[in-house]
Amino acid sequence: MAGVGVGTALTASAVLSGNWGRWWQAAFAAAAAFVVFYAVAVVSGLGYGDVKLAAVIAGCAGYTSPTAAAMALVGGFVAAGVVAAITVVVGGAGRGSALAMGPWLLLGAAATLALYC
C-alpha cells in the first residue's frame, strides 16, 4: 500500500510542477531497486517486505536524484552491516541469526534525505 501512496504523491507532484523528468527517474529508481532486491531475496534470506520497502525508498529518494536513491539503499545496508557485526561480537549471534533489514533501510533513507533536503 505504501507503494501506491508514494506513486500517487509523486505523480501528483509531477502533474502540478510539470516536471516529468523527476517522475521518470523516481520510477526507474524504484523499478531498479525492486529488481535488484528481488534477485537478492531469491538467493538469500532477505524478506519480500524488504524488497517492497526498498522500491518505495528508492522511488522517494529517486525523485530527488538517482544518487540519493543509491545512497539511501547502500546506507541501509551499511547500517545493517554495522549492527550485524556488533551483534556478532557483543551478542554472540551466529551465522544463522536473522536481522530485520527494514529499520536499517529506513535509517539509511532518513540519513540520505536529511543530507539532500
N, C-alpha and C. Protein backbone atom coordinates (compact mmCIF):
# COMPACT_ATOMS: atom_id res chain seq x y z
N MET A 1 0.81 -1.19 0.00
CA MET A 1 0.00 0.00 0.00
C MET A 1 0.86 1.26 0.00
N ALA A 2 2.02 1.20 0.61
CA ALA A 2 2.90 2.38 0.63
C ALA A 2 3.34 2.73 -0.78
N GLY A 3 3.56 1.73 -1.60
CA GLY A 3 3.96 1.98 -2.98
C GLY A 3 2.90 2.74 -3.76
N VAL A 4 1.65 2.40 -3.52
CA VAL A 4 0.55 3.09 -4.19
C VAL A 4 0.49 4.54 -3.72
N GLY A 5 0.64 4.76 -2.43
CA GLY A 5 0.62 6.11 -1.88
C GLY A 5 1.77 6.96 -2.40
N VAL A 6 2.97 6.39 -2.42
CA VAL A 6 4.14 7.13 -2.91
C VAL A 6 3.99 7.40 -4.40
N GLY A 7 3.55 6.41 -5.15
CA GLY A 7 3.35 6.61 -6.59
C GLY A 7 2.33 7.70 -6.89
N THR A 8 1.26 7.71 -6.13
CA THR A 8 0.22 8.73 -6.30
C THR A 8 0.76 10.11 -5.95
N ALA A 9 1.48 10.21 -4.85
CA ALA A 9 2.03 11.50 -4.43
C ALA A 9 3.06 12.03 -5.43
N LEU A 10 3.92 11.15 -5.93
CA LEU A 10 4.92 11.59 -6.90
C LEU A 10 4.28 11.98 -8.23
N THR A 11 3.22 11.26 -8.62
CA THR A 11 2.51 11.60 -9.84
C THR A 11 1.81 12.95 -9.70
N ALA A 12 1.19 13.18 -8.55
CA ALA A 12 0.55 14.47 -8.31
C ALA A 12 1.58 15.60 -8.33
N SER A 13 2.74 15.35 -7.76
CA SER A 13 3.80 16.35 -7.77
C SER A 13 4.26 16.64 -9.19
N ALA A 14 4.39 15.61 -10.00
CA ALA A 14 4.81 15.81 -11.40
C ALA A 14 3.75 16.56 -12.19
N VAL A 15 2.49 16.25 -11.95
CA VAL A 15 1.40 16.94 -12.65
C VAL A 15 1.39 18.42 -12.27
N LEU A 16 1.51 18.70 -10.98
CA LEU A 16 1.44 20.08 -10.53
C LEU A 16 2.66 20.90 -10.92
N SER A 17 3.82 20.27 -10.92
CA SER A 17 5.05 21.01 -11.25
C SER A 17 5.37 20.96 -12.75
N GLY A 18 4.82 19.98 -13.44
CA GLY A 18 5.12 19.82 -14.86
C GLY A 18 6.49 19.22 -15.11
N ASN A 19 7.14 18.74 -14.07
CA ASN A 19 8.48 18.17 -14.18
C ASN A 19 8.39 16.65 -14.23
N TRP A 20 8.16 16.13 -15.42
CA TRP A 20 8.01 14.68 -15.56
C TRP A 20 9.35 13.95 -15.58
N GLY A 21 10.43 14.67 -15.79
CA GLY A 21 11.75 14.05 -15.76
C GLY A 21 12.07 13.47 -14.39
N ARG A 22 11.73 14.21 -13.36
CA ARG A 22 11.96 13.71 -11.99
C ARG A 22 11.07 12.50 -11.70
N TRP A 23 9.85 12.50 -12.24
CA TRP A 23 8.95 11.36 -12.05
C TRP A 23 9.55 10.11 -12.70
N TRP A 24 10.07 10.27 -13.91
CA TRP A 24 10.67 9.12 -14.59
C TRP A 24 11.90 8.60 -13.86
N GLN A 25 12.72 9.49 -13.33
CA GLN A 25 13.90 9.00 -12.61
C GLN A 25 13.49 8.31 -11.31
N ALA A 26 12.42 8.76 -10.68
CA ALA A 26 11.92 8.08 -9.47
C ALA A 26 11.36 6.71 -9.83
N ALA A 27 10.62 6.64 -10.94
CA ALA A 27 10.06 5.35 -11.37
C ALA A 27 11.17 4.37 -11.74
N PHE A 28 12.19 4.85 -12.44
CA PHE A 28 13.31 3.98 -12.80
C PHE A 28 14.05 3.50 -11.56
N ALA A 29 14.28 4.41 -10.60
CA ALA A 29 14.98 4.03 -9.36
C ALA A 29 14.19 2.98 -8.59
N ALA A 30 12.87 3.16 -8.51
CA ALA A 30 12.03 2.19 -7.79
C ALA A 30 12.06 0.84 -8.49
N ALA A 31 11.94 0.84 -9.82
CA ALA A 31 11.94 -0.42 -10.56
C ALA A 31 13.29 -1.12 -10.45
N ALA A 32 14.37 -0.36 -10.55
CA ALA A 32 15.71 -0.95 -10.45
C ALA A 32 15.94 -1.54 -9.06
N ALA A 33 15.53 -0.81 -8.03
CA ALA A 33 15.69 -1.31 -6.66
C ALA A 33 14.87 -2.58 -6.46
N PHE A 34 13.66 -2.61 -7.00
CA PHE A 34 12.82 -3.80 -6.86
C PHE A 34 13.50 -5.00 -7.51
N VAL A 35 14.02 -4.83 -8.71
CA VAL A 35 14.65 -5.95 -9.43
C VAL A 35 15.89 -6.43 -8.68
N VAL A 36 16.72 -5.51 -8.24
CA VAL A 36 17.96 -5.90 -7.54
C VAL A 36 17.64 -6.58 -6.21
N PHE A 37 16.75 -6.00 -5.42
CA PHE A 37 16.43 -6.59 -4.13
C PHE A 37 15.66 -7.90 -4.29
N TYR A 38 14.86 -8.02 -5.34
CA TYR A 38 14.17 -9.29 -5.58
C TYR A 38 15.19 -10.39 -5.89
N ALA A 39 16.19 -10.06 -6.69
CA ALA A 39 17.24 -11.04 -7.00
C ALA A 39 17.99 -11.44 -5.74
N VAL A 40 18.25 -10.47 -4.87
CA VAL A 40 18.92 -10.78 -3.60
C VAL A 40 18.03 -11.66 -2.73
N ALA A 41 16.73 -11.37 -2.73
CA ALA A 41 15.80 -12.17 -1.91
C ALA A 41 15.70 -13.60 -2.40
N VAL A 42 15.82 -13.80 -3.70
CA VAL A 42 15.73 -15.16 -4.26
C VAL A 42 16.92 -16.00 -3.81
N VAL A 43 18.10 -15.40 -3.76
CA VAL A 43 19.30 -16.18 -3.44
C VAL A 43 19.70 -16.12 -1.97
N SER A 44 19.03 -15.28 -1.17
CA SER A 44 19.40 -15.18 0.24
C SER A 44 18.16 -15.18 1.11
N GLY A 45 18.32 -14.80 2.34
CA GLY A 45 17.22 -14.81 3.28
C GLY A 45 16.51 -13.47 3.41
N LEU A 46 16.74 -12.57 2.47
CA LEU A 46 16.08 -11.27 2.52
C LEU A 46 14.58 -11.45 2.32
N GLY A 47 13.79 -10.78 3.14
CA GLY A 47 12.35 -10.92 3.06
C GLY A 47 11.75 -10.09 1.93
N TYR A 48 10.58 -10.50 1.46
CA TYR A 48 9.95 -9.80 0.35
C TYR A 48 9.35 -8.47 0.79
N GLY A 49 9.10 -8.30 2.07
CA GLY A 49 8.69 -7.00 2.58
C GLY A 49 9.81 -5.98 2.44
N ASP A 50 11.05 -6.44 2.64
CA ASP A 50 12.21 -5.57 2.45
C ASP A 50 12.37 -5.20 0.97
N VAL A 51 12.01 -6.10 0.09
CA VAL A 51 12.08 -5.83 -1.35
C VAL A 51 11.12 -4.68 -1.69
N LYS A 52 9.90 -4.77 -1.20
CA LYS A 52 8.92 -3.72 -1.47
C LYS A 52 9.32 -2.40 -0.82
N LEU A 53 9.85 -2.48 0.40
CA LEU A 53 10.29 -1.27 1.09
C LEU A 53 11.43 -0.60 0.33
N ALA A 54 12.35 -1.38 -0.20
CA ALA A 54 13.46 -0.82 -0.96
C ALA A 54 12.95 -0.08 -2.20
N ALA A 55 11.94 -0.62 -2.85
CA ALA A 55 11.38 0.06 -4.03
C ALA A 55 10.73 1.38 -3.64
N VAL A 56 10.02 1.40 -2.52
CA VAL A 56 9.38 2.64 -2.05
C VAL A 56 10.45 3.67 -1.69
N ILE A 57 11.47 3.25 -0.98
CA ILE A 57 12.54 4.16 -0.58
C ILE A 57 13.25 4.70 -1.82
N ALA A 58 13.55 3.84 -2.77
CA ALA A 58 14.23 4.28 -3.98
C ALA A 58 13.36 5.23 -4.79
N GLY A 59 12.06 5.01 -4.80
CA GLY A 59 11.17 5.93 -5.50
C GLY A 59 11.15 7.30 -4.86
N CYS A 60 11.05 7.33 -3.54
CA CYS A 60 11.05 8.62 -2.83
C CYS A 60 12.38 9.35 -3.00
N ALA A 61 13.47 8.66 -2.75
CA ALA A 61 14.78 9.28 -2.86
C ALA A 61 15.14 9.55 -4.32
N GLY A 62 14.67 8.71 -5.22
CA GLY A 62 14.95 8.89 -6.64
C GLY A 62 14.30 10.13 -7.21
N TYR A 63 13.24 10.60 -6.60
CA TYR A 63 12.61 11.84 -7.05
C TYR A 63 13.56 13.01 -6.81
N THR A 64 14.40 12.90 -5.78
CA THR A 64 15.41 13.92 -5.52
C THR A 64 16.55 13.81 -6.52
N SER A 65 17.14 12.61 -6.61
CA SER A 65 18.20 12.34 -7.59
C SER A 65 18.49 10.85 -7.58
N PRO A 66 19.01 10.31 -8.69
CA PRO A 66 19.37 8.89 -8.70
C PRO A 66 20.47 8.57 -7.69
N THR A 67 21.36 9.52 -7.46
CA THR A 67 22.41 9.31 -6.47
C THR A 67 21.82 9.16 -5.08
N ALA A 68 20.80 9.94 -4.78
CA ALA A 68 20.15 9.85 -3.47
C ALA A 68 19.51 8.48 -3.29
N ALA A 69 18.90 7.94 -4.34
CA ALA A 69 18.29 6.62 -4.26
C ALA A 69 19.34 5.56 -3.94
N ALA A 70 20.46 5.61 -4.65
CA ALA A 70 21.52 4.64 -4.40
C ALA A 70 22.11 4.80 -3.01
N MET A 71 22.33 6.04 -2.59
CA MET A 71 22.90 6.28 -1.27
C MET A 71 21.97 5.82 -0.16
N ALA A 72 20.67 5.99 -0.34
CA ALA A 72 19.70 5.58 0.68
C ALA A 72 19.75 4.07 0.88
N LEU A 73 19.80 3.33 -0.21
CA LEU A 73 19.81 1.87 -0.11
C LEU A 73 21.16 1.35 0.38
N VAL A 74 22.23 1.92 -0.11
CA VAL A 74 23.56 1.50 0.36
C VAL A 74 23.73 1.87 1.83
N GLY A 75 23.23 3.04 2.22
CA GLY A 75 23.30 3.45 3.62
C GLY A 75 22.57 2.47 4.53
N GLY A 76 21.43 1.96 4.06
CA GLY A 76 20.70 0.96 4.83
C GLY A 76 21.48 -0.32 5.00
N PHE A 77 22.14 -0.76 3.92
CA PHE A 77 22.96 -1.97 4.01
C PHE A 77 24.16 -1.76 4.92
N VAL A 78 24.78 -0.59 4.87
CA VAL A 78 25.92 -0.31 5.74
C VAL A 78 25.49 -0.30 7.20
N ALA A 79 24.36 0.35 7.48
CA ALA A 79 23.86 0.39 8.86
C ALA A 79 23.55 -1.02 9.36
N ALA A 80 22.92 -1.84 8.52
CA ALA A 80 22.61 -3.22 8.91
C ALA A 80 23.89 -4.02 9.13
N GLY A 81 24.89 -3.78 8.30
CA GLY A 81 26.16 -4.48 8.47
C GLY A 81 26.85 -4.14 9.76
N VAL A 82 26.82 -2.86 10.12
CA VAL A 82 27.42 -2.44 11.39
C VAL A 82 26.69 -3.08 12.56
N VAL A 83 25.37 -3.06 12.51
CA VAL A 83 24.59 -3.67 13.60
C VAL A 83 24.83 -5.17 13.66
N ALA A 84 24.92 -5.82 12.50
CA ALA A 84 25.17 -7.26 12.48
C ALA A 84 26.54 -7.57 13.07
N ALA A 85 27.54 -6.77 12.74
CA ALA A 85 28.88 -7.00 13.29
C ALA A 85 28.89 -6.82 14.79
N ILE A 86 28.22 -5.80 15.27
CA ILE A 86 28.15 -5.57 16.73
C ILE A 86 27.40 -6.72 17.40
N THR A 87 26.34 -7.18 16.77
CA THR A 87 25.57 -8.29 17.33
C THR A 87 26.40 -9.56 17.41
N VAL A 88 27.23 -9.80 16.42
CA VAL A 88 28.08 -10.99 16.44
C VAL A 88 29.13 -10.88 17.54
N VAL A 89 29.76 -9.72 17.64
CA VAL A 89 30.84 -9.55 18.60
C VAL A 89 30.31 -9.49 20.03
N VAL A 90 29.30 -8.69 20.26
CA VAL A 90 28.80 -8.48 21.62
C VAL A 90 27.79 -9.55 22.02
N GLY A 91 26.85 -9.83 21.13
CA GLY A 91 25.76 -10.74 21.49
C GLY A 91 26.03 -12.19 21.19
N GLY A 92 27.07 -12.48 20.47
CA GLY A 92 27.38 -13.86 20.15
C GLY A 92 26.46 -14.49 19.12
N ALA A 93 25.86 -13.67 18.26
CA ALA A 93 24.98 -14.21 17.22
C ALA A 93 25.81 -15.04 16.24
N GLY A 94 25.18 -16.03 15.67
CA GLY A 94 25.87 -16.91 14.73
C GLY A 94 25.49 -16.65 13.30
N ARG A 95 25.99 -17.50 12.44
CA ARG A 95 25.76 -17.37 11.01
C ARG A 95 24.28 -17.49 10.64
N GLY A 96 23.53 -18.27 11.35
CA GLY A 96 22.13 -18.47 11.04
C GLY A 96 21.19 -17.47 11.68
N SER A 97 21.73 -16.47 12.38
CA SER A 97 20.89 -15.48 13.04
C SER A 97 20.25 -14.54 12.02
N ALA A 98 19.04 -14.11 12.33
CA ALA A 98 18.31 -13.22 11.43
C ALA A 98 18.40 -11.78 11.93
N LEU A 99 18.40 -10.86 10.99
CA LEU A 99 18.42 -9.44 11.31
C LEU A 99 17.39 -8.76 10.42
N ALA A 100 16.48 -8.03 11.02
CA ALA A 100 15.47 -7.31 10.24
C ALA A 100 16.14 -6.17 9.48
N MET A 101 15.91 -6.10 8.16
CA MET A 101 16.52 -5.07 7.33
C MET A 101 15.71 -3.78 7.29
N GLY A 102 14.39 -3.88 7.49
CA GLY A 102 13.51 -2.73 7.34
C GLY A 102 13.94 -1.50 8.11
N PRO A 103 14.19 -1.64 9.42
CA PRO A 103 14.59 -0.44 10.18
C PRO A 103 15.88 0.19 9.67
N TRP A 104 16.80 -0.61 9.21
CA TRP A 104 18.09 -0.09 8.75
C TRP A 104 17.96 0.54 7.37
N LEU A 105 17.08 0.00 6.53
CA LEU A 105 16.79 0.65 5.25
C LEU A 105 16.16 2.02 5.48
N LEU A 106 15.25 2.10 6.44
CA LEU A 106 14.62 3.38 6.75
C LEU A 106 15.63 4.37 7.33
N LEU A 107 16.55 3.88 8.15
CA LEU A 107 17.58 4.75 8.70
C LEU A 107 18.47 5.30 7.59
N GLY A 108 18.87 4.44 6.66
CA GLY A 108 19.68 4.88 5.53
C GLY A 108 18.95 5.92 4.68
N ALA A 109 17.65 5.70 4.48
CA ALA A 109 16.85 6.65 3.70
C ALA A 109 16.73 7.98 4.43
N ALA A 110 16.48 7.94 5.74
CA ALA A 110 16.34 9.18 6.51
C ALA A 110 17.64 9.97 6.52
N ALA A 111 18.75 9.27 6.70
CA ALA A 111 20.04 9.96 6.72
C ALA A 111 20.35 10.57 5.35
N THR A 112 20.07 9.85 4.29
CA THR A 112 20.35 10.36 2.95
C THR A 112 19.47 11.54 2.62
N LEU A 113 18.18 11.44 2.90
CA LEU A 113 17.29 12.55 2.58
C LEU A 113 17.57 13.76 3.46
N ALA A 114 18.08 13.54 4.67
CA ALA A 114 18.47 14.68 5.52
C ALA A 114 19.65 15.42 4.89
N LEU A 115 20.53 14.70 4.22
CA LEU A 115 21.67 15.33 3.54
C LEU A 115 21.22 16.09 2.29
N TYR A 116 20.23 15.55 1.57
CA TYR A 116 19.81 16.14 0.31
C TYR A 116 18.76 17.22 0.45
N CYS A 117 18.05 17.27 1.54
CA CYS A 117 16.94 18.24 1.65
C CYS A 117 17.25 19.38 2.58
